[in-house]
Amino acid sequence: MSSDTPATQAPVPPDQPAGPIISASCGQVLITGSGFLPNRSITIRITSIGEDIVDYLTYISDANGGLSAALPETAIIETGHIAVTDHRLDPRGDGGLLWSNSVTVTHTVW
């Protein structure tokens, strides 16, 4: 295992900022964000409201730790909460991971 794999990274110190920040635009849902580890696998979690469905999509952050991810048109059926992680450890985070803020996206007519 290399030293930069998620399992060997140190947890986020308590005084570190909350984590990466994302935003979304509707139409074709575009997730943009910053504050991720550069050139890393990024997991986008989409929780569908009222349907008990959680989907995960994988993208790669750019060399500056930015993210620009166009989601498939079928990713949001009604309304969904979206959060993103670059797999940094955070004992206070959901599943022990550091997650971005959560954004709510509502399906629009394509």
PDB file of N, CA and C in Angstrom:
ATOM      1  N   MET A   1       0.844  -1.164   0.000  1.00  0.00           N
ATOM      2  CA  MET A   1       0.000   0.000   0.000  1.00  0.00           C
ATOM      3  C   MET A   1       0.892   1.231   0.000  1.00  0.00           C
ATOM      4  N   SER A   2       0.634   2.217  -0.860  1.00  0.00           N
ATOM      5  CA  SER A   2       1.456   3.422  -0.899  1.00  0.00           C
ATOM      6  C   SER A   2       1.094   4.342   0.244  1.00  0.00           C
ATOM      7  N   SER A   3       1.961   5.293   0.520  1.00  0.00           N
ATOM      8  CA  SER A   3       1.732   6.174   1.665  1.00  0.00           C
ATOM      9  C   SER A   3       0.603   7.159   1.430  1.00  0.00           C
ATOM     10  N   ASP A   4       0.117   7.300   0.192  1.00  0.00           N
ATOM     11  CA  ASP A   4      -0.957   8.258  -0.040  1.00  0.00           C
ATOM     12  C   ASP A   4      -2.324   7.597  -0.187  1.00  0.00           C
ATOM     13  N   THR A   5      -2.454   6.349   0.150  1.00  0.00           N
ATOM     14  CA  THR A   5      -3.758   5.706   0.093  1.00  0.00           C
ATOM     15  C   THR A   5      -4.613   6.177   1.253  1.00  0.00           C
ATOM     16  N   PRO A   6      -5.938   6.232   1.074  1.00  0.00           N
ATOM     17  CA  PRO A   6      -6.813   6.753   2.120  1.00  0.00           C
ATOM     18  C   PRO A   6      -6.636   6.081   3.471  1.00  0.00           C
ATOM     19  N   ALA A   7      -6.353   4.801   3.518  1.00  0.00           N
ATOM     20  CA  ALA A   7      -6.273   4.101   4.788  1.00  0.00           C
ATOM     21  C   ALA A   7      -5.077   4.542   5.622  1.00  0.00           C
ATOM     22  N   THR A   8      -4.065   5.135   5.010  1.00  0.00           N
ATOM     23  CA  THR A   8      -2.872   5.520   5.768  1.00  0.00           C
ATOM     24  C   THR A   8      -2.788   7.014   6.024  1.00  0.00           C
ATOM     25  N   GLN A   9      -3.758   7.791   5.571  1.00  0.00           N
ATOM     26  CA  GLN A   9      -3.713   9.226   5.789  1.00  0.00           C
ATOM     27  C   GLN A   9      -4.097   9.566   7.220  1.00  0.00           C
ATOM     28  N   ALA A  10      -3.489  10.604   7.721  1.00  0.00           N
ATOM     29  CA  ALA A  10      -3.814  11.058   9.069  1.00  0.00           C
ATOM     30  C   ALA A  10      -5.203  11.677   9.082  1.00  0.00           C
ATOM     31  N   PRO A  11      -5.924  11.538  10.185  1.00  0.00           N
ATOM     32  CA  PRO A  11      -7.229  12.196  10.299  1.00  0.00           C
ATOM     33  C   PRO A  11      -7.073  13.710  10.215  1.00  0.00           C
ATOM     34  N   VAL A  12      -8.164  14.388   9.900  1.00  0.00           N
ATOM     35  CA  VAL A  12      -8.163  15.837   9.819  1.00  0.00           C
ATOM     36  C   VAL A  12      -8.059  16.411  11.219  1.00  0.00           C
ATOM     37  N   PRO A  13      -7.091  17.310  11.466  1.00  0.00           N
ATOM     38  CA  PRO A  13      -6.990  17.918  12.802  1.00  0.00           C
ATOM     39  C   PRO A  13      -8.237  18.732  13.120  1.00  0.00           C
ATOM     40  N   PRO A  14      -8.603  18.830  14.419  1.00  0.00           N
ATOM     41  CA  PRO A  14      -9.827  19.539  14.795  1.00  0.00           C
ATOM     42  C   PRO A  14      -9.836  21.000  14.383  1.00  0.00           C
ATOM     43  N   ASP A  15      -8.660  21.654  14.258  1.00  0.00           N
ATOM     44  CA  ASP A  15      -8.618  23.069  13.921  1.00  0.00           C
ATOM     45  C   ASP A  15      -8.580  23.315  12.416  1.00  0.00           C
ATOM     46  N   GLN A  16      -8.615  22.275  11.604  1.00  0.00           N
ATOM     47  CA  GLN A  16      -8.611  22.423  10.154  1.00  0.00           C
ATOM     48  C   GLN A  16     -10.015  22.803   9.690  1.00  0.00           C
ATOM     49  N   PRO A  17     -10.127  23.596   8.596  1.00  0.00           N
ATOM     50  CA  PRO A  17     -11.451  23.948   8.085  1.00  0.00           C
ATOM     51  C   PRO A  17     -12.301  22.705   7.835  1.00  0.00           C
ATOM     52  N   ALA A  18     -13.597  22.901   7.759  1.00  0.00           N
ATOM     53  CA  ALA A  18     -14.558  21.806   7.680  1.00  0.00           C
ATOM     54  C   ALA A  18     -14.340  20.866   6.506  1.00  0.00           C
ATOM     55  N   GLY A  19     -13.737  21.296   5.434  1.00  0.00           N
ATOM     56  CA  GLY A  19     -13.498  20.406   4.299  1.00  0.00           C
ATOM     57  C   GLY A  19     -13.803  21.073   2.985  1.00  0.00           C
ATOM     58  N   PRO A  20     -13.814  20.282   1.929  1.00  0.00           N
ATOM     59  CA  PRO A  20     -14.073  20.829   0.600  1.00  0.00           C
ATOM     60  C   PRO A  20     -15.456  21.439   0.510  1.00  0.00           C
ATOM     61  N   ILE A  21     -15.611  22.380  -0.401  1.00  0.00           N
ATOM     62  CA  ILE A  21     -16.877  23.073  -0.614  1.00  0.00           C
ATOM     63  C   ILE A  21     -17.339  22.780  -2.037  1.00  0.00           C
ATOM     64  N   ILE A  22     -18.626  22.462  -2.207  1.00  0.00           N
ATOM     65  CA  ILE A  22     -19.177  22.219  -3.533  1.00  0.00           C
ATOM     66  C   ILE A  22     -20.392  23.093  -3.783  1.00  0.00           C
ATOM     67  N   SER A  23     -20.758  23.214  -5.050  1.00  0.00           N
ATOM     68  CA  SER A  23     -22.009  23.853  -5.443  1.00  0.00           C
ATOM     69  C   SER A  23     -22.540  23.092  -6.649  1.00  0.00           C
ATOM     70  N   ALA A  24     -23.792  23.325  -6.974  1.00  0.00           N
ATOM     71  CA  ALA A  24     -24.405  22.624  -8.106  1.00  0.00           C
ATOM     72  C   ALA A  24     -25.221  23.608  -8.912  1.00  0.00           C
ATOM     73  N   SER A  25     -25.260  23.388 -10.217  1.00  0.00           N
ATOM     74  CA  SER A  25     -26.153  24.139 -11.074  1.00  0.00           C
ATOM     75  C   SER A  25     -27.098  23.149 -11.721  1.00  0.00           C
ATOM     76  N   CYS A  26     -28.331  23.597 -11.952  1.00  0.00           N
ATOM     77  CA  CYS A  26     -29.355  22.693 -12.496  1.00  0.00           C
ATOM     78  C   CYS A  26     -29.330  22.691 -14.012  1.00  0.00           C
ATOM     79  N   GLY A  27     -30.326  22.062 -14.594  1.00  0.00           N
ATOM     80  CA  GLY A  27     -30.325  21.758 -16.015  1.00  0.00           C
ATOM     81  C   GLY A  27     -29.602  20.433 -16.099  1.00  0.00           C
ATOM     82  N   GLN A  28     -28.437  20.438 -16.717  1.00  0.00           N
ATOM     83  CA  GLN A  28     -27.558  19.289 -16.558  1.00  0.00           C
ATOM     84  C   GLN A  28     -26.850  19.586 -15.249  1.00  0.00           C
ATOM     85  N   VAL A  29     -26.939  18.693 -14.286  1.00  0.00           N
ATOM     86  CA  VAL A  29     -26.371  18.971 -12.974  1.00  0.00           C
ATOM     87  C   VAL A  29     -24.852  18.973 -13.079  1.00  0.00           C
ATOM     88  N   LEU A  30     -24.263  20.102 -12.732  1.00  0.00           N
ATOM     89  CA  LEU A  30     -22.815  20.260 -12.743  1.00  0.00           C
ATOM     90  C   LEU A  30     -22.373  20.525 -11.313  1.00  0.00           C
ATOM     91  N   ILE A  31     -21.556  19.634 -10.788  1.00  0.00           N
ATOM     92  CA  ILE A  31     -21.011  19.796  -9.441  1.00  0.00           C
ATOM     93  C   ILE A  31     -19.631  20.411  -9.583  1.00  0.00           C
ATOM     94  N   THR A  32     -19.420  21.543  -8.929  1.00  0.00           N
ATOM     95  CA  THR A  32     -18.099  22.166  -8.914  1.00  0.00           C
ATOM     96  C   THR A  32     -17.663  22.314  -7.474  1.00  0.00           C
ATOM     97  N   GLY A  33     -16.371  22.257  -7.245  1.00  0.00           N
ATOM     98  CA  GLY A  33     -15.887  22.386  -5.881  1.00  0.00           C
ATOM     99  C   GLY A  33     -14.398  22.623  -5.824  1.00  0.00           C
ATOM    100  N   SER A  34     -13.941  22.931  -4.624  1.00  0.00           N
ATOM    101  CA  SER A  34     -12.516  23.162  -4.395  1.00  0.00           C
ATOM    102  C   SER A  34     -12.166  22.676  -2.997  1.00  0.00           C
ATOM    103  N   GLY A  35     -10.873  22.563  -2.759  1.00  0.00           N
ATOM    104  CA  GLY A  35     -10.403  22.138  -1.442  1.00  0.00           C
ATOM    105  C   GLY A  35     -10.186  20.642  -1.335  1.00  0.00           C
ATOM    106  N   PHE A  36     -10.223  19.934  -2.466  1.00  0.00           N
ATOM    107  CA  PHE A  36      -9.965  18.499  -2.468  1.00  0.00           C
ATOM    108  C   PHE A  36      -8.471  18.251  -2.608  1.00  0.00           C
ATOM    109  N   LEU A  37      -8.038  17.042  -2.305  1.00  0.00           N
ATOM    110  CA  LEU A  37      -6.655  16.679  -2.563  1.00  0.00           C
ATOM    111  C   LEU A  37      -6.450  16.643  -4.080  1.00  0.00           C
ATOM    112  N   PRO A  38      -5.306  17.132  -4.572  1.00  0.00           N
ATOM    113  CA  PRO A  38      -5.065  17.171  -6.017  1.00  0.00           C
ATOM    114  C   PRO A  38      -4.962  15.774  -6.630  1.00  0.00           C
ATOM    115  N   ASN A  39      -5.490  15.648  -7.842  1.00  0.00           N
ATOM    116  CA  ASN A  39      -5.378  14.423  -8.640  1.00  0.00           C
ATOM    117  C   ASN A  39      -5.792  13.177  -7.866  1.00  0.00           C
ATOM    118  N   ARG A  40      -6.891  13.251  -7.171  1.00  0.00           N
ATOM    119  CA  ARG A  40      -7.356  12.131  -6.343  1.00  0.00           C
ATOM    120  C   ARG A  40      -8.730  11.663  -6.796  1.00  0.00           C
ATOM    121  N   SER A  41      -9.017  10.433  -6.470  1.00  0.00           N
ATOM    122  CA  SER A  41     -10.333   9.877  -6.704  1.00  0.00           C
ATOM    123  C   SER A  41     -11.325  10.577  -5.775  1.00  0.00           C
ATOM    124  N   ILE A  42     -12.404  11.050  -6.339  1.00  0.00           N
ATOM    125  CA  ILE A  42     -13.441  11.784  -5.612  1.00  0.00           C
ATOM    126  C   ILE A  42     -14.723  10.971  -5.718  1.00  0.00           C
ATOM    127  N   THR A  43     -15.411  10.777  -4.613  1.00  0.00           N
ATOM    128  CA  THR A  43     -16.692  10.073  -4.636  1.00  0.00           C
ATOM    129  C   THR A  43     -17.813  11.066  -4.387  1.00  0.00           C
ATOM    130  N   ILE A  44     -18.774  11.077  -5.303  1.00  0.00           N
ATOM    131  CA  ILE A  44     -19.965  11.914  -5.164  1.00  0.00           C
ATOM    132  C   ILE A  44     -21.094  11.008  -4.669  1.00  0.00           C
ATOM    133  N   ARG A  45     -21.699  11.401  -3.553  1.00  0.00           N
ATOM    134  CA  ARG A  45     -22.816  10.635  -2.983  1.00  0.00           C
ATOM    135  C   ARG A  45     -24.106  11.401  -3.260  1.00  0.00           C
ATOM    136  N   ILE A  46     -25.068  10.720  -3.875  1.00  0.00           N
ATOM    137  CA  ILE A  46     -26.370  11.314  -4.182  1.00  0.00           C
ATOM    138  C   ILE A  46     -27.426  10.540  -3.399  1.00  0.00           C
ATOM    139  N   THR A  47     -28.078  11.219  -2.472  1.00  0.00           N
ATOM    140  CA  THR A  47     -29.130  10.604  -1.670  1.00  0.00           C
ATOM    141  C   THR A  47     -30.465  11.124  -2.175  1.00  0.00           C
ATOM    142  N   SER A  48     -31.287  10.226  -2.706  1.00  0.00           N
ATOM    143  CA  SER A  48     -32.602  10.610  -3.224  1.00  0.00           C
ATOM    144  C   SER A  48     -33.585  10.717  -2.073  1.00  0.00           C
ATOM    145  N   ILE A  49     -34.222  11.863  -1.975  1.00  0.00           N
ATOM    146  CA  ILE A  49     -35.137  12.143  -0.883  1.00  0.00           C
ATOM    147  C   ILE A  49     -36.428  11.346  -1.059  1.00  0.00           C
ATOM    148  N   GLY A  50     -36.850  10.691  -0.001  1.00  0.00           N
ATOM    149  CA  GLY A  50     -38.106   9.970   0.007  1.00  0.00           C
ATOM    150  C   GLY A  50     -38.066   8.631  -0.708  1.00  0.00           C
ATOM    151  N   GLU A  51     -36.901   8.220  -1.207  1.00  0.00           N
ATOM    152  CA  GLU A  51     -36.844   6.962  -1.931  1.00  0.00           C
ATOM    153  C   GLU A  51     -35.854   5.981  -1.322  1.00  0.00           C
ATOM    154  N   ASP A  52     -35.155   6.371  -0.281  1.00  0.00           N
ATOM    155  CA  ASP A  52     -34.185   5.486   0.373  1.00  0.00           C
ATOM    156  C   ASP A  52     -33.142   4.947  -0.606  1.00  0.00           C
ATOM    157  N   ILE A  53     -32.734   5.786  -1.567  1.00  0.00           N
ATOM    158  CA  ILE A  53     -31.753   5.387  -2.574  1.00  0.00           C
ATOM    159  C   ILE A  53     -30.511   6.253  -2.415  1.00  0.00           C
ATOM    160  N   VAL A  54     -29.348   5.607  -2.412  1.00  0.00           N
ATOM    161  CA  VAL A  54     -28.081   6.325  -2.375  1.00  0.00           C
ATOM    162  C   VAL A  54     -27.229   5.811  -3.531  1.00  0.00           C
ATOM    163  N   ASP A  55     -26.773   6.729  -4.371  1.00  0.00           N
ATOM    164  CA  ASP A  55     -25.901   6.388  -5.492  1.00  0.00           C
ATOM    165  C   ASP A  55     -24.538   7.024  -5.277  1.00  0.00           C
ATOM    166  N   TYR A  56     -23.512   6.374  -5.793  1.00  0.00           N
ATOM    167  CA  TYR A  56     -22.145   6.882  -5.698  1.00  0.00           C
ATOM    168  C   TYR A  56     -21.544   6.938  -7.097  1.00  0.00           C
ATOM    169  N   LEU A  57     -20.927   8.067  -7.430  1.00  0.00           N
ATOM    170  CA  LEU A  57     -20.233   8.245  -8.696  1.00  0.00           C
ATOM    171  C   LEU A  57     -18.791   8.626  -8.397  1.00  0.00           C
ATOM    172  N   THR A  58     -17.869   8.233  -9.268  1.00  0.00           N
ATOM    173  CA  THR A  58     -16.458   8.521  -9.038  1.00  0.00           C
ATOM    174  C   THR A  58     -15.919   9.438 -10.127  1.00  0.00           C
ATOM    175  N   TYR A  59     -15.189  10.458  -9.704  1.00  0.00           N
ATOM    176  CA  TYR A  59     -14.523  11.400 -10.595  1.00  0.00           C
ATOM    177  C   TYR A  59     -13.107  11.600 -10.068  1.00  0.00           C
ATOM    178  N   ILE A  60     -12.313  12.433 -10.742  1.00  0.00           N
ATOM    179  CA  ILE A  60     -10.940  12.728 -10.320  1.00  0.00           C
ATOM    180  C   ILE A  60     -10.811  14.240 -10.149  1.00  0.00           C
ATOM    181  N   SER A  61     -10.215  14.672  -9.041  1.00  0.00           N
ATOM    182  CA  SER A  61      -9.961  16.107  -8.852  1.00  0.00           C
ATOM    183  C   SER A  61      -8.830  16.535  -9.786  1.00  0.00           C
ATOM    184  N   ASP A  62      -8.762  17.822 -10.062  1.00  0.00           N
ATOM    185  CA  ASP A  62      -7.692  18.304 -10.930  1.00  0.00           C
ATOM    186  C   ASP A  62      -6.415  18.571 -10.125  1.00  0.00           C
ATOM    187  N   ALA A  63      -5.377  19.041 -10.780  1.00  0.00           N
ATOM    188  CA  ALA A  63      -4.073  19.250 -10.147  1.00  0.00           C
ATOM    189  C   ALA A  63      -4.101  20.305  -9.042  1.00  0.00           C
ATOM    190  N   ASN A  64      -5.145  21.151  -9.034  1.00  0.00           N
ATOM    191  CA  ASN A  64      -5.277  22.184  -8.001  1.00  0.00           C
ATOM    192  C   ASN A  64      -6.275  21.802  -6.913  1.00  0.00           C
ATOM    193  N   GLY A  65      -6.791  20.578  -6.947  1.00  0.00           N
ATOM    194  CA  GLY A  65      -7.773  20.148  -5.957  1.00  0.00           C
ATOM    195  C   GLY A  65      -9.180  20.606  -6.272  1.00  0.00           C
ATOM    196  N   GLY A  66      -9.420  20.965  -7.522  1.00  0.00           N
ATOM    197  CA  GLY A  66     -10.752  21.393  -7.942  1.00  0.00           C
ATOM    198  C   GLY A  66     -11.538  20.241  -8.528  1.00  0.00           C
ATOM    199  N   LEU A  67     -12.842  20.417  -8.599  1.00  0.00           N
ATOM    200  CA  LEU A  67     -13.721  19.407  -9.157  1.00  0.00           C
ATOM    201  C   LEU A  67     -14.730  20.079 -10.065  1.00  0.00           C
ATOM    202  N   SER A  68     -14.922  19.513 -11.238  1.00  0.00           N
ATOM    203  CA  SER A  68     -15.981  19.918 -12.152  1.00  0.00           C
ATOM    204  C   SER A  68     -16.542  18.627 -12.725  1.00  0.00           C
ATOM    205  N   ALA A  69     -17.729  18.239 -12.274  1.00  0.00           N
ATOM    206  CA  ALA A  69     -18.300  16.944 -12.636  1.00  0.00           C
ATOM    207  C   ALA A  69     -19.719  17.123 -13.147  1.00  0.00           C
ATOM    208  N   ALA A  70     -19.913  16.845 -14.428  1.00  0.00           N
ATOM    209  CA  ALA A  70     -21.256  16.855 -15.007  1.00  0.00           C
ATOM    210  C   ALA A  70     -21.896  15.505 -14.715  1.00  0.00           C
ATOM    211  N   LEU A  71     -22.984  15.518 -13.958  1.00  0.00           N
ATOM    212  CA  LEU A  71     -23.654  14.275 -13.612  1.00  0.00           C
ATOM    213  C   LEU A  71     -24.557  13.820 -14.753  1.00  0.00           C
ATOM    214  N   PRO A  72     -24.757  12.520 -14.883  1.00  0.00           N
ATOM    215  CA  PRO A  72     -25.698  12.028 -15.892  1.00  0.00           C
ATOM    216  C   PRO A  72     -27.089  12.608 -15.645  1.00  0.00           C
ATOM    217  N   GLU A  73     -27.846  12.810 -16.719  1.00  0.00           N
ATOM    218  CA  GLU A  73     -29.195  13.389 -16.581  1.00  0.00           C
ATOM    219  C   GLU A  73     -30.082  12.567 -15.668  1.00  0.00           C
ATOM    220  N   THR A  74     -29.835  11.290 -15.554  1.00  0.00           N
ATOM    221  CA  THR A  74     -30.665  10.413 -14.724  1.00  0.00           C
ATOM    222  C   THR A  74     -30.206  10.355 -13.269  1.00  0.00           C
ATOM    223  N   ALA A  75     -29.179  11.117 -12.910  1.00  0.00           N
ATOM    224  CA  ALA A  75     -28.643  11.058 -11.547  1.00  0.00           C
ATOM    225  C   ALA A  75     -29.623  11.590 -10.508  1.00  0.00           C
ATOM    226  N   ILE A  76     -30.397  12.601 -10.865  1.00  0.00           N
ATOM    227  CA  ILE A  76     -31.377  13.189  -9.950  1.00  0.00           C
ATOM    228  C   ILE A  76     -32.754  12.990 -10.561  1.00  0.00           C
ATOM    229  N   ILE A  77     -33.588  12.167  -9.914  1.00  0.00           N
ATOM    230  CA  ILE A  77     -34.920  11.887 -10.446  1.00  0.00           C
ATOM    231  C   ILE A  77     -35.931  12.900  -9.921  1.00  0.00           C
ATOM    232  N   GLU A  78     -35.940  13.166  -8.644  1.00  0.00           N
ATOM    233  CA  GLU A  78     -36.836  14.147  -8.027  1.00  0.00           C
ATOM    234  C   GLU A  78     -35.981  15.213  -7.343  1.00  0.00           C
ATOM    235  N   THR A  79     -35.633  14.940  -6.091  1.00  0.00           N
ATOM    236  CA  THR A  79     -34.783  15.836  -5.323  1.00  0.00           C
ATOM    237  C   THR A  79     -33.708  14.996  -4.655  1.00  0.00           C
ATOM    238  N   GLY A  80     -32.478  15.499  -4.674  1.00  0.00           N
ATOM    239  CA  GLY A  80     -31.387  14.747  -4.073  1.00  0.00           C
ATOM    240  C   GLY A  80     -30.440  15.632  -3.307  1.00  0.00           C
ATOM    241  N   HIS A  81     -29.829  15.063  -2.296  1.00  0.00           N
ATOM    242  CA  HIS A  81     -28.761  15.723  -1.553  1.00  0.00           C
ATOM    243  C   HIS A  81     -27.451  15.176  -2.092  1.00  0.00           C
ATOM    244  N   ILE A  82     -26.513  16.072  -2.378  1.00  0.00           N
ATOM    245  CA  ILE A  82     -25.221  15.676  -2.932  1.00  0.00           C
ATOM    246  C   ILE A  82     -24.115  16.127  -1.995  1.00  0.00           C
ATOM    247  N   ALA A  83     -23.198  15.214  -1.695  1.00  0.00           N
ATOM    248  CA  ALA A  83     -21.996  15.522  -0.920  1.00  0.00           C
ATOM    249  C   ALA A  83     -20.834  14.781  -1.580  1.00  0.00           C
ATOM    250  N   VAL A  84     -19.622  15.275  -1.352  1.00  0.00           N
ATOM    251  CA  VAL A  84     -18.441  14.747  -2.037  1.00  0.00           C
ATOM    252  C   VAL A  84     -17.322  14.510  -1.035  1.00  0.00           C
ATOM    253  N   THR A  85     -16.546  13.443  -1.251  1.00  0.00           N
ATOM    254  CA  THR A  85     -15.383  13.172  -0.406  1.00  0.00           C
ATOM    255  C   THR A  85     -14.187  12.803  -1.272  1.00  0.00           C
ATOM    256  N   ASP A  86     -12.997  13.163  -0.789  1.00  0.00           N
ATOM    257  CA  ASP A  86     -11.764  12.703  -1.430  1.00  0.00           C
ATOM    258  C   ASP A  86     -11.109  11.621  -0.567  1.00  0.00           C
ATOM    259  N   HIS A  87     -11.874  11.081   0.351  1.00  0.00           N
ATOM    260  CA  HIS A  87     -11.521   9.928   1.186  1.00  0.00           C
ATOM    261  C   HIS A  87     -10.527  10.246   2.308  1.00  0.00           C
ATOM    262  N   ARG A  88     -10.404  11.522   2.670  1.00  0.00           N
ATOM    263  CA  ARG A  88      -9.623  11.848   3.863  1.00  0.00           C
ATOM    264  C   ARG A  88     -10.392  11.366   5.082  1.00  0.00           C
ATOM    265  N   LEU A  89      -9.662  10.933   6.063  1.00  0.00           N
ATOM    266  CA  LEU A  89     -10.283  10.430   7.287  1.00  0.00           C
ATOM    267  C   LEU A  89     -10.718  11.573   8.193  1.00  0.00           C
ATOM    268  N   ASP A  90     -11.867  11.396   8.826  1.00  0.00           N
ATOM    269  CA  ASP A  90     -12.386  12.340   9.813  1.00  0.00           C
ATOM    270  C   ASP A  90     -13.298  11.541  10.742  1.00  0.00           C
ATOM    271  N   PRO A  91     -12.856  11.284  11.966  1.00  0.00           N
ATOM    272  CA  PRO A  91     -13.653  10.455  12.872  1.00  0.00           C
ATOM    273  C   PRO A  91     -15.043  11.024  13.151  1.00  0.00           C
ATOM    274  N   ARG A  92     -15.230  12.329  12.943  1.00  0.00           N
ATOM    275  CA  ARG A  92     -16.545  12.945  13.163  1.00  0.00           C
ATOM    276  C   ARG A  92     -17.427  12.868  11.928  1.00  0.00           C
ATOM    277  N   GLY A  93     -16.863  12.493  10.785  1.00  0.00           N
ATOM    278  CA  GLY A  93     -17.603  12.500   9.530  1.00  0.00           C
ATOM    279  C   GLY A  93     -18.394  11.220   9.312  1.00  0.00           C
ATOM    280  N   ASP A  94     -19.338  11.297   8.416  1.00  0.00           N
ATOM    281  CA  ASP A  94     -20.160  10.152   8.046  1.00  0.00           C
ATOM    282  C   ASP A  94     -19.261   9.044   7.506  1.00  0.00           C
ATOM    283  N   GLY A  95     -19.320   7.876   8.114  1.00  0.00           N
ATOM    284  CA  GLY A  95     -18.480   6.755   7.700  1.00  0.00           C
ATOM    285  C   GLY A  95     -17.009   6.952   8.002  1.00  0.00           C
ATOM    286  N   GLY A  96     -16.687   7.921   8.870  1.00  0.00           N
ATOM    287  CA  GLY A  96     -15.296   8.188   9.213  1.00  0.00           C
ATOM    288  C   GLY A  96     -14.538   8.965   8.158  1.00  0.00           C
ATOM    289  N   LEU A  97     -15.265   9.596   7.209  1.00  0.00           N
ATOM    290  CA  LEU A  97     -14.635  10.359   6.141  1.00  0.00           C
ATOM    291  C   LEU A  97     -14.978  11.834   6.230  1.00  0.00           C
ATOM    292  N   LEU A  98     -14.100  12.655   5.675  1.00  0.00           N
ATOM    293  CA  LEU A  98     -14.340  14.089   5.560  1.00  0.00           C
ATOM    294  C   LEU A  98     -15.181  14.328   4.316  1.00  0.00           C
ATOM    295  N   TRP A  99     -16.385  14.887   4.487  1.00  0.00           N
ATOM    296  CA  TRP A  99     -17.300  15.168   3.379  1.00  0.00           C
ATOM    297  C   TRP A  99     -17.415  16.662   3.179  1.00  0.00           C
ATOM    298  N   SER A 100     -17.732  17.065   1.963  1.00  0.00           N
ATOM    299  CA  SER A 100     -18.007  18.465   1.667  1.00  0.00           C
ATOM    300  C   SER A 100     -19.336  18.857   2.299  1.00  0.00           C
ATOM    301  N   ASN A 101     -19.686  20.118   2.105  1.00  0.00           N
ATOM    302  CA  ASN A 101     -21.043  20.541   2.440  1.00  0.00           C
ATOM    303  C   ASN A 101     -22.017  19.742   1.573  1.00  0.00           C
ATOM    304  N   SER A 102     -23.267  19.734   1.939  1.00  0.00           N
ATOM    305  CA  SER A 102     -24.293  19.035   1.168  1.00  0.00           C
ATOM    306  C   SER A 102     -25.104  20.076   0.400  1.00  0.00           C
ATOM    307  N   VAL A 103     -25.358  19.803  -0.874  1.00  0.00           N
ATOM    308  CA  VAL A 103     -26.225  20.672  -1.661  1.00  0.00           C
ATOM    309  C   VAL A 103     -27.460  19.883  -2.071  1.00  0.00           C
ATOM    310  N   THR A 104     -28.578  20.591  -2.217  1.00  0.00           N
ATOM    311  CA  THR A 104     -29.828  19.975  -2.633  1.00  0.00           C
ATOM    312  C   THR A 104     -30.093  20.358  -4.077  1.00  0.00           C
ATOM    313  N   VAL A 105     -30.385  19.353  -4.893  1.00  0.00           N
ATOM    314  CA  VAL A 105     -30.669  19.580  -6.302  1.00  0.00           C
ATOM    315  C   VAL A 105     -32.053  19.007  -6.601  1.00  0.00           C
ATOM    316  N   THR A 106     -32.872  19.798  -7.282  1.00  0.00           N
ATOM    317  CA  THR A 106     -34.207  19.352  -7.664  1.00  0.00           C
ATOM    318  C   THR A 106     -34.235  19.126  -9.163  1.00  0.00           C
ATOM    319  N   HIS A 107     -34.803  18.013  -9.562  1.00  0.00           N
ATOM    320  CA  HIS A 107     -34.896  17.660 -10.981  1.00  0.00           C
ATOM    321  C   HIS A 107     -35.686  18.730 -11.719  1.00  0.00           C
ATOM    322  N   THR A 108     -35.184  19.117 -12.875  1.00  0.00           N
ATOM    323  CA  THR A 108     -35.908  20.046 -13.739  1.00  0.00           C
ATOM    324  C   THR A 108     -36.232  19.314 -15.031  1.00  0.00           C
ATOM    325  N   VAL A 109     -37.177  19.834 -15.770  1.00  0.00           N
ATOM    326  CA  VAL A 109     -37.541  19.216 -17.052  1.00  0.00           C
ATOM    327  C   VAL A 109     -36.379  19.426 -18.000  1.00  0.00           C
ATOM    328  N   TRP A 110     -35.937  18.348 -18.608  1.00  0.00           N
ATOM    329  CA  TRP A 110     -34.772  18.430 -19.499  1.00  0.00           C
ATOM    330  C   TRP A 110     -35.193  18.980 -20.805  1.00  0.00           C
TER     331      TRP A 110
END
